[in-house]
C-alpha atoms as a PDB file:
ATOM      1  CA  MET A   1     102.074  81.505 184.398  1.00  0.00           C
ATOM      2  CA  ASP A   2     100.320  82.567 187.592  1.00  0.00           C
ATOM      3  CA  GLU A   3      98.699  85.822 188.681  1.00  0.00           C
ATOM      4  CA  ASN A   4     101.812  86.918 190.603  1.00  0.00           C
ATOM      5  CA  GLN A   5     103.960  86.633 187.486  1.00  0.00           C
ATOM      6  CA  ILE A   6     101.419  88.502 185.392  1.00  0.00           C
ATOM      7  CA  GLU A   7     101.179  91.251 188.001  1.00  0.00           C
ATOM      8  CA  SER A   8     104.985  91.451 188.183  1.00  0.00           C
ATOM      9  CA  TYR A   9     105.174  91.868 184.408  1.00  0.00           C
ATOM     10  CA  ASN A  10     102.546  94.615 184.436  1.00  0.00           C
ATOM     11  CA  ARG A  11     104.353  96.418 187.270  1.00  0.00           C
ATOM     12  CA  ASN A  12     107.971  96.071 186.131  1.00  0.00           C
ATOM     13  CA  GLY A  13     107.628  95.691 182.360  1.00  0.00           C
ATOM     14  CA  TYR A  14     109.436  92.346 182.245  1.00  0.00           C
ATOM     15  CA  ILE A  15     109.680  88.896 183.784  1.00  0.00           C
ATOM     16  CA  VAL A  16     112.477  86.335 183.724  1.00  0.00           C
ATOM     17  CA  ILE A  17     111.910  82.596 183.307  1.00  0.00           C
ATOM     18  CA  GLU A  18     115.172  80.850 184.082  1.00  0.00           C
ATOM     19  CA  ASP A  19     116.223  77.636 182.337  1.00  0.00           C
ATOM     20  CA  MET A  20     113.156  77.519 180.084  1.00  0.00           C
ATOM     21  CA  PHE A  21     115.208  75.721 177.438  1.00  0.00           C
ATOM     22  CA  THR A  22     117.539  72.829 178.185  1.00  0.00           C
ATOM     23  CA  LEU A  23     121.237  73.063 177.388  1.00  0.00           C
ATOM     24  CA  GLU A  24     120.732  70.427 174.687  1.00  0.00           C
ATOM     25  CA  GLU A  25     118.144  72.642 173.018  1.00  0.00           C
ATOM     26  CA  VAL A  26     120.307  75.740 173.397  1.00  0.00           C
ATOM     27  CA  ASN A  27     123.235  73.962 171.754  1.00  0.00           C
ATOM     28  CA  VAL A  28     121.094  73.217 168.688  1.00  0.00           C
ATOM     29  CA  TYR A  29     120.158  76.896 168.313  1.00  0.00           C
ATOM     30  CA  LYS A  30     123.697  78.029 169.109  1.00  0.00           C
ATOM     31  CA  ASN A  31     125.252  75.734 166.501  1.00  0.00           C
ATOM     32  CA  GLU A  32     122.810  76.981 163.879  1.00  0.00           C
ATOM     33  CA  VAL A  33     124.176  80.538 164.267  1.00  0.00           C
ATOM     34  CA  SER A  34     127.301  79.517 162.332  1.00  0.00           C
ATOM     35  CA  TYR A  35     125.114  78.934 159.248  1.00  0.00           C
ATOM     36  CA  PHE A  36     124.964  82.708 158.741  1.00  0.00           C
ATOM     37  CA  GLU A  37     128.749  83.233 158.713  1.00  0.00           C
ATOM     38  CA  SER A  38     128.734  82.488 154.984  1.00  0.00           C
ATOM     39  CA  LYS A  39     125.641  84.662 154.404  1.00  0.00           C
ATOM     40  CA  LYS A  40     127.010  88.076 155.305  1.00  0.00           C
ATOM     41  CA  LYS A  41     125.957  89.601 151.982  1.00  0.00           C
ATOM     42  CA  LEU A  42     122.283  88.923 152.623  1.00  0.00           C
ATOM     43  CA  PRO A  43     120.357  92.159 153.390  1.00  0.00           C
ATOM     44  CA  ASN A  44     118.992  90.712 156.617  1.00  0.00           C
ATOM     45  CA  VAL A  45     122.486  89.995 157.990  1.00  0.00           C
ATOM     46  CA  ILE A  46     123.745  93.198 159.629  1.00  0.00           C
ATOM     47  CA  CYS A  47     127.511  93.482 160.075  1.00  0.00           C
ATOM     48  CA  GLU A  48     129.821  95.979 161.742  1.00  0.00           C
ATOM     49  CA  ASP A  49     133.583  95.693 161.261  1.00  0.00           C
ATOM     50  CA  ASN A  50     132.847  92.565 159.182  1.00  0.00           C
ATOM     51  CA  LYS A  51     131.396  90.872 162.260  1.00  0.00           C
ATOM     52  CA  ILE A  52     127.742  89.856 162.383  1.00  0.00           C
ATOM     53  CA  ARG A  53     125.842  92.122 164.769  1.00  0.00           C
ATOM     54  CA  SER A  54     122.312  90.949 163.983  1.00  0.00           C
ATOM     55  CA  VAL A  55     120.513  88.466 161.785  1.00  0.00           C
ATOM     56  CA  PHE A  56     116.922  89.430 161.067  1.00  0.00           C
ATOM     57  CA  ALA A  57     114.283  86.834 160.153  1.00  0.00           C
ATOM     58  CA  PRO A  58     116.527  83.778 160.662  1.00  0.00           C
ATOM     59  CA  HIS A  59     113.422  81.619 160.194  1.00  0.00           C
ATOM     60  CA  MET A  60     113.425  82.508 156.489  1.00  0.00           C
ATOM     61  CA  HIS A  61     116.665  80.550 156.079  1.00  0.00           C
ATOM     62  CA  SER A  62     116.651  78.004 158.880  1.00  0.00           C
ATOM     63  CA  GLN A  63     113.996  75.420 159.746  1.00  0.00           C
ATOM     64  CA  ILE A  64     115.422  75.194 163.246  1.00  0.00           C
ATOM     65  CA  TYR A  65     114.660  78.857 163.839  1.00  0.00           C
ATOM     66  CA  ALA A  66     111.345  78.525 162.003  1.00  0.00           C
ATOM     67  CA  ASN A  67     110.337  76.046 164.682  1.00  0.00           C
ATOM     68  CA  LEU A  68     111.597  78.066 167.643  1.00  0.00           C
ATOM     69  CA  TYR A  69     109.184  81.004 167.544  1.00  0.00           C
ATOM     70  CA  LYS A  70     106.236  78.556 167.613  1.00  0.00           C
ATOM     71  CA  ASP A  71     107.508  76.737 170.686  1.00  0.00           C
ATOM     72  CA  PHE A  72     104.617  76.037 173.052  1.00  0.00           C
ATOM     73  CA  ARG A  73     106.498  77.363 176.098  1.00  0.00           C
ATOM     74  CA  LEU A  74     106.965  80.784 174.517  1.00  0.00           C
ATOM     75  CA  LEU A  75     103.432  80.974 173.153  1.00  0.00           C
ATOM     76  CA  ASN A  76     101.824  79.965 176.430  1.00  0.00           C
ATOM     77  CA  ILE A  77     103.504  82.850 178.226  1.00  0.00           C
ATOM     78  CA  VAL A  78     103.106  85.588 175.614  1.00  0.00           C
ATOM     79  CA  GLN A  79      99.428  84.782 175.152  1.00  0.00           C
ATOM     80  CA  ASN A  80      98.895  84.988 178.911  1.00  0.00           C
ATOM     81  CA  LEU A  81     100.614  88.380 179.066  1.00  0.00           C
ATOM     82  CA  VAL A  82      99.218  90.101 175.964  1.00  0.00           C
ATOM     83  CA  LYS A  83      95.800  88.388 176.113  1.00  0.00           C
ATOM     84  CA  GLU A  84      95.294  88.757 172.358  1.00  0.00           C
ATOM     85  CA  ASN A  85      95.706  86.493 169.351  1.00  0.00           C
ATOM     86  CA  LEU A  86      99.290  86.950 168.216  1.00  0.00           C
ATOM     87  CA  TYR A  87     101.461  86.722 165.133  1.00  0.00           C
ATOM     88  CA  LEU A  88     105.204  86.941 164.563  1.00  0.00           C
ATOM     89  CA  TYR A  89     106.151  90.591 164.105  1.00  0.00           C
ATOM     90  CA  GLN A  90     109.948  90.622 164.258  1.00  0.00           C
ATOM     91  CA  TYR A  91     112.638  87.998 164.799  1.00  0.00           C
ATOM     92  CA  LYS A  92     116.377  88.440 165.133  1.00  0.00           C
ATOM     93  CA  LEU A  93     119.620  87.090 166.492  1.00  0.00           C
ATOM     94  CA  ASN A  94     121.789  89.596 168.345  1.00  0.00           C
ATOM     95  CA  LEU A  95     125.408  88.467 168.451  1.00  0.00           C
ATOM     96  CA  LYS A  96     128.150  89.981 170.571  1.00  0.00           C
ATOM     97  CA  GLU A  97     131.558  88.818 169.458  1.00  0.00           C
ATOM     98  CA  PRO A  98     134.289  88.280 172.061  1.00  0.00           C
ATOM     99  CA  PHE A  99     136.454  91.388 172.571  1.00  0.00           C
ATOM    100  CA  LEU A 100     134.518  93.354 169.900  1.00  0.00           C
ATOM    101  CA  GLY A 101     130.782  93.040 170.589  1.00  0.00           C
ATOM    102  CA  LYS A 102     129.284  96.525 170.609  1.00  0.00           C
ATOM    103  CA  TRP A 103     126.781  98.173 172.912  1.00  0.00           C
ATOM    104  CA  TRP A 104     123.121  99.057 172.620  1.00  0.00           C
ATOM    105  CA  GLU A 105     122.222 102.509 173.967  1.00  0.00           C
ATOM    106  CA  TRP A 106     119.285 103.115 176.299  1.00  0.00           C
ATOM    107  CA  HIS A 107     116.211 102.845 174.121  1.00  0.00           C
ATOM    108  CA  GLN A 108     112.683 101.542 173.763  1.00  0.00           C
ATOM    109  CA  ASP A 109     111.661  99.255 170.910  1.00  0.00           C
ATOM    110  CA  TYR A 110     108.184 100.594 170.362  1.00  0.00           C
ATOM    111  CA  PRO A 111     109.133 103.984 168.818  1.00  0.00           C
ATOM    112  CA  TYR A 112     110.654 102.161 165.817  1.00  0.00           C
ATOM    113  CA  TRP A 113     107.566 100.038 165.390  1.00  0.00           C
ATOM    114  CA  HIS A 114     105.227 102.991 165.884  1.00  0.00           C
ATOM    115  CA  PHE A 115     106.938 105.648 163.750  1.00  0.00           C
ATOM    116  CA  ASP A 116     108.601 103.460 161.107  1.00  0.00           C
ATOM    117  CA  ASP A 117     106.002 100.718 160.735  1.00  0.00           C
ATOM    118  CA  GLY A 118     102.777 102.406 161.818  1.00  0.00           C
ATOM    119  CA  VAL A 119     101.907 100.101 164.736  1.00  0.00           C
ATOM    120  CA  SER A 120      99.193 101.884 166.717  1.00  0.00           C
ATOM    121  CA  THR A 121      99.599 100.513 170.245  1.00  0.00           C
ATOM    122  CA  PRO A 122     102.267  98.683 172.273  1.00  0.00           C
ATOM    123  CA  ASP A 123     100.128  95.531 172.542  1.00  0.00           C
ATOM    124  CA  MET A 124     103.245  93.509 171.840  1.00  0.00           C
ATOM    125  CA  ILE A 125     105.891  91.573 173.709  1.00  0.00           C
ATOM    126  CA  SER A 126     109.446  90.435 173.070  1.00  0.00           C
ATOM    127  CA  ALA A 127     111.079  87.247 174.285  1.00  0.00           C
ATOM    128  CA  MET A 128     114.883  87.296 174.592  1.00  0.00           C
ATOM    129  CA  ILE A 129     116.412  83.825 174.767  1.00  0.00           C
ATOM    130  CA  TYR A 130     119.945  83.582 176.124  1.00  0.00           C
ATOM    131  CA  LEU A 131     122.130  81.260 174.042  1.00  0.00           C
ATOM    132  CA  ASP A 132     125.121  81.776 176.332  1.00  0.00           C
ATOM    133  CA  ASP A 133     125.609  82.242 180.045  1.00  0.00           C
ATOM    134  CA  ALA A 134     125.789  86.026 180.358  1.00  0.00           C
ATOM    135  CA  LYS A 135     127.887  87.622 183.079  1.00  0.00           C
ATOM    136  CA  SER A 136     128.290  91.335 183.724  1.00  0.00           C
ATOM    137  CA  TYR A 137     131.490  91.474 181.662  1.00  0.00           C
ATOM    138  CA  GLN A 138     129.749  90.126 178.534  1.00  0.00           C
ATOM    139  CA  GLY A 139     127.323  93.009 178.112  1.00  0.00           C
ATOM    140  CA  PRO A 140     124.069  91.375 179.286  1.00  0.00           C
ATOM    141  CA  LEU A 141     120.678  93.038 179.023  1.00  0.00           C
ATOM    142  CA  MET A 142     120.081  95.921 181.451  1.00  0.00           C
ATOM    143  CA  VAL A 143     116.571  97.145 182.219  1.00  0.00           C
ATOM    144  CA  ILE A 144     114.935  99.825 184.360  1.00  0.00           C
ATOM    145  CA  PRO A 145     111.861  98.334 186.054  1.00  0.00           C
ATOM    146  CA  GLY A 146     108.634 100.271 185.598  1.00  0.00           C
ATOM    147  CA  SER A 147     110.016 102.528 182.866  1.00  0.00           C
ATOM    148  CA  GLN A 148     107.463 101.214 180.360  1.00  0.00           C
ATOM    149  CA  LYS A 149     104.890 103.392 182.150  1.00  0.00           C
ATOM    150  CA  GLU A 150     106.521 106.495 180.616  1.00  0.00           C
ATOM    151  CA  GLY A 151     104.986 105.640 177.242  1.00  0.00           C
ATOM    152  CA  ILE A 152     107.150 106.833 174.352  1.00  0.00           C
ATOM    153  CA  ALA A 153     109.856 108.806 176.123  1.00  0.00           C
ATOM    154  CA  LYS A 154     111.532 111.988 174.941  1.00  0.00           C
ATOM    155  CA  PHE A 155     114.353 111.171 172.547  1.00  0.00           C
ATOM    156  CA  LYS A 156     117.976 112.061 173.055  1.00  0.00           C
ATOM    157  CA  ASP A 157     119.266 114.670 170.583  1.00  0.00           C
ATOM    158  CA  LYS A 158     121.408 112.716 168.111  1.00  0.00           C
ATOM    159  CA  GLY A 159     122.504 115.733 166.072  1.00  0.00           C
ATOM    160  CA  ASN A 160     122.272 115.229 162.328  1.00  0.00           C
ATOM    161  CA  LEU A 161     121.199 111.585 162.513  1.00  0.00           C
ATOM    162  CA  ASP A 162     118.391 111.103 159.986  1.00  0.00           C
ATOM    163  CA  LYS A 163     115.289 110.012 161.930  1.00  0.00           C
ATOM    164  CA  ASN A 164     113.363 109.604 158.679  1.00  0.00           C
ATOM    165  CA  ASP A 165     115.641 106.822 157.468  1.00  0.00           C
ATOM    166  CA  ILE A 166     113.529 103.729 158.152  1.00  0.00           C
ATOM    167  CA  LEU A 167     116.610 101.471 158.096  1.00  0.00           C
ATOM    168  CA  ASN A 168     118.581 103.638 160.513  1.00  0.00           C
ATOM    169  CA  SER A 169     117.876 101.439 163.506  1.00  0.00           C
ATOM    170  CA  LEU A 170     120.131  98.491 162.841  1.00  0.00           C
ATOM    171  CA  SER A 171     123.575  99.718 163.889  1.00  0.00           C
ATOM    172  CA  SER A 172     125.058 100.673 167.251  1.00  0.00           C
ATOM    173  CA  ASN A 173     124.147 104.326 166.570  1.00  0.00           C
ATOM    174  CA  LEU A 174     120.403 104.075 167.209  1.00  0.00           C
ATOM    175  CA  LYS A 175     118.227 106.973 166.044  1.00  0.00           C
ATOM    176  CA  PHE A 176     115.598 106.713 168.821  1.00  0.00           C
ATOM    177  CA  THR A 177     117.319 106.652 172.214  1.00  0.00           C
ATOM    178  CA  VAL A 178     115.907 107.808 175.521  1.00  0.00           C
ATOM    179  CA  ASP A 179     116.916 111.257 176.750  1.00  0.00           C
ATOM    180  CA  ASP A 180     119.705 110.983 179.351  1.00  0.00           C
ATOM    181  CA  THR A 181     117.797 112.984 181.961  1.00  0.00           C
ATOM    182  CA  ILE A 182     114.784 110.671 181.759  1.00  0.00           C
ATOM    183  CA  VAL A 183     116.989 107.575 182.022  1.00  0.00           C
ATOM    184  CA  LYS A 184     118.638 108.984 185.149  1.00  0.00           C
ATOM    185  CA  THR A 185     115.293 109.921 186.721  1.00  0.00           C
ATOM    186  CA  TYR A 186     113.941 106.407 186.319  1.00  0.00           C
ATOM    187  CA  ALA A 187     117.234 104.812 187.336  1.00  0.00           C
ATOM    188  CA  ASP A 188     117.323 106.936 190.512  1.00  0.00           C
ATOM    189  CA  GLN A 189     113.753 105.939 191.343  1.00  0.00           C
ATOM    190  CA  ASN A 190     113.678 102.287 190.335  1.00  0.00           C
ATOM    191  CA  GLY A 191     117.282 101.175 189.926  1.00  0.00           C
ATOM    192  CA  ILE A 192     118.919  99.301 187.057  1.00  0.00           C
ATOM    193  CA  GLN A 193     118.694  95.540 186.842  1.00  0.00           C
ATOM    194  CA  VAL A 194     121.576  93.758 185.109  1.00  0.00           C
ATOM    195  CA  LEU A 195     120.145  90.460 183.897  1.00  0.00           C
ATOM    196  CA  GLU A 196     122.998  88.011 184.365  1.00  0.00           C
ATOM    197  CA  LEU A 197     121.355  84.721 183.400  1.00  0.00           C
ATOM    198  CA  ARG A 198     122.205  81.191 182.377  1.00  0.00           C
ATOM    199  CA  ALA A 199     121.896  79.944 178.816  1.00  0.00           C
ATOM    200  CA  GLY A 200     118.339  78.780 178.186  1.00  0.00           C
ATOM    201  CA  SER A 201     116.760  81.521 180.278  1.00  0.00           C
ATOM    202  CA  VAL A 202     114.223  83.873 178.707  1.00  0.00           C
ATOM    203  CA  VAL A 203     113.338  87.506 179.409  1.00  0.00           C
ATOM    204  CA  PHE A 204     109.858  88.617 178.351  1.00  0.00           C
ATOM    205  CA  PHE A 205     109.678  92.410 178.127  1.00  0.00           C
ATOM    206  CA  HIS A 206     107.325  95.242 177.198  1.00  0.00           C
ATOM    207  CA  PRO A 207     108.129  97.262 174.034  1.00  0.00           C
ATOM    208  CA  ASN A 208     108.342 100.539 176.004  1.00  0.00           C
ATOM    209  CA  LEU A 209     110.720  99.204 178.674  1.00  0.00           C
ATOM    210  CA  PHE A 210     113.992 101.168 178.843  1.00  0.00           C
ATOM    211  CA  HIS A 211     116.796  98.713 178.079  1.00  0.00           C
ATOM    212  CA  ALA A 212     120.435  98.762 177.027  1.00  0.00           C
ATOM    213  CA  SER A 213     123.627  96.726 177.135  1.00  0.00           C
ATOM    214  CA  THR A 214     127.314  97.483 177.298  1.00  0.00           C
ATOM    215  CA  GLY A 215     129.937  96.157 174.898  1.00  0.00           C
ATOM    216  CA  ASN A 216     131.427  92.707 175.239  1.00  0.00           C
ATOM    217  CA  LEU A 217     135.152  93.002 175.976  1.00  0.00           C
ATOM    218  CA  SER A 218     135.315  89.524 177.458  1.00  0.00           C
ATOM    219  CA  PRO A 219     136.805  86.549 175.574  1.00  0.00           C
ATOM    220  CA  TYR A 220     133.367  84.897 175.542  1.00  0.00           C
ATOM    221  CA  GLU A 221     130.449  85.121 173.126  1.00  0.00           C
ATOM    222  CA  ARG A 222     127.104  86.601 174.164  1.00  0.00           C
ATOM    223  CA  ASP A 223     124.432  85.537 171.706  1.00  0.00           C
ATOM    224  CA  THR A 224     120.692  85.984 172.108  1.00  0.00           C
ATOM    225  CA  VAL A 225     117.506  85.386 170.148  1.00  0.00           C
ATOM    226  CA  ILE A 226     114.802  88.078 170.282  1.00  0.00           C
ATOM    227  CA  ILE A 227     111.310  87.181 169.098  1.00  0.00           C
ATOM    228  CA  THR A 228     108.627  89.874 169.031  1.00  0.00           C
ATOM    229  CA  TYR A 229     104.961  88.963 168.952  1.00  0.00           C
ATOM    230  CA  ASN A 230     102.214  91.456 168.053  1.00  0.00           C
ATOM    231  CA  SER A 231      98.453  91.443 168.526  1.00  0.00           C
ATOM    232  CA  ILE A 232      96.559  90.520 165.378  1.00  0.00           C
ATOM    233  CA  ASN A 233      94.426  93.619 166.096  1.00  0.00           C
ATOM    234  CA  ASN A 234      97.486  95.875 165.961  1.00  0.00           C
ATOM    235  CA  LEU A 235      98.817  95.451 162.420  1.00  0.00           C
ATOM    236  CA  PRO A 236     101.255  97.996 160.912  1.00  0.00           C
ATOM    237  CA  VAL A 237      99.558 100.591 158.710  1.00  0.00           C
ATOM    238  CA  SER A 238     102.483 102.604 157.318  1.00  0.00           C
ATOM    239  CA  GLU A 239     102.692 102.795 153.529  1.00  0.00           C
ATOM    240  CA  ASN A 240     106.474 102.989 153.869  1.00  0.00           C
ATOM    241  CA  SER A 241     106.937 100.086 156.245  1.00  0.00           C
ATOM    242  CA  ARG A 242     110.314  98.461 156.451  1.00  0.00           C
ATOM    243  CA  PRO A 243     111.350  95.293 154.602  1.00  0.00           C
ATOM    244  CA  ASP A 244     109.613  92.030 155.447  1.00  0.00           C
ATOM    245  CA  TYR A 245     112.670  90.707 157.267  1.00  0.00           C
ATOM    246  CA  ILE A 246     112.327  93.597 159.755  1.00  0.00           C
ATOM    247  CA  CYS A 247     108.549  94.046 159.864  1.00  0.00           C
ATOM    248  CA  SER A 248     106.823  90.798 158.951  1.00  0.00           C
ATOM    249  CA  LYS A 249     104.009  90.968 156.417  1.00  0.00           C
ATOM    250  CA  ASP A 250     102.827  87.476 157.350  1.00  0.00           C
ATOM    251  CA  ASN A 251     100.197  87.999 160.039  1.00  0.00           C
ATOM    252  CA  SER A 252      99.125  84.378 160.393  1.00  0.00           C
ATOM    253  CA  VAL A 253      97.731  83.860 163.877  1.00  0.00           C
ATOM    254  CA  LEU A 254      99.888  81.632 166.073  1.00  0.00           C
ATOM    255  CA  THR A 255      97.412  79.160 167.483  1.00  0.00           C
ATOM    256  CA  GLU A 256      99.328  75.895 167.140  1.00  0.00           C
ATOM    257  CA  ILE A 257     100.866  75.276 170.541  1.00  0.00           C
ATOM    258  CA  GLU A 258     102.911  72.127 170.334  1.00  0.00           C
ATOM    259  CA  LYS A 259     106.220  70.774 171.542  1.00  0.00           C
ATOM    260  CA  ILE A 260     108.903  71.116 168.919  1.00  0.00           C
ATOM    261  CA  VAL A 261     111.112  68.046 168.597  1.00  0.00           C
ATOM    262  CA  LEU A 262     114.640  68.975 167.535  1.00  0.00           C
END
């Protein structure tokens, strides 16, 4: 990390580090995804149309994924950007099946963590690791630079969707999505970046950044890992916080920065 990268993150709400992981490493993580195909009845495995959409807390079941979030390359960057002692807050695999992989509407992550889990400030960061090459037709991540400066944006009216349901954030019908007018205003001002990246690349992004992705109608998979780190001074305080696989109760400080040998 250098000062230009840090300044770019603060200005745009995200930075991209291409080819952070080698293809050999990516293949190890990619192959481990198949482990969860026989675990669809687990509460942390979220399915739609009998296809896995997300796997929360994969590190609870897989040593390979237990090693990944401690990787020295990730920790070096997130600690430079957040400038706080960190712990693992949330961890998930987002899988987009060929032909069927669904979309994610325009949203921010922080409202879920603030309202559902009681996290006071957005002193957090997420790292999205691409496990596949992602072209425009596979539904890659889209972001609006600078939109994190809005803070928690006005929500889109979702009708009768229950915003008090603390588990109602796991399907394609998200409860906290950004109002269409606000999305358009920021898109008109700052543009939309479609992050077509190679497998092994990583996007580090702010929890208030507007982001979305379209469905995957291509014949190719589009799998990603998303690891969210939180400041140890920013622990959830809600008495009704979500299950441990969504909002980790283990706030052990991540200080061991070492190369993981696969």
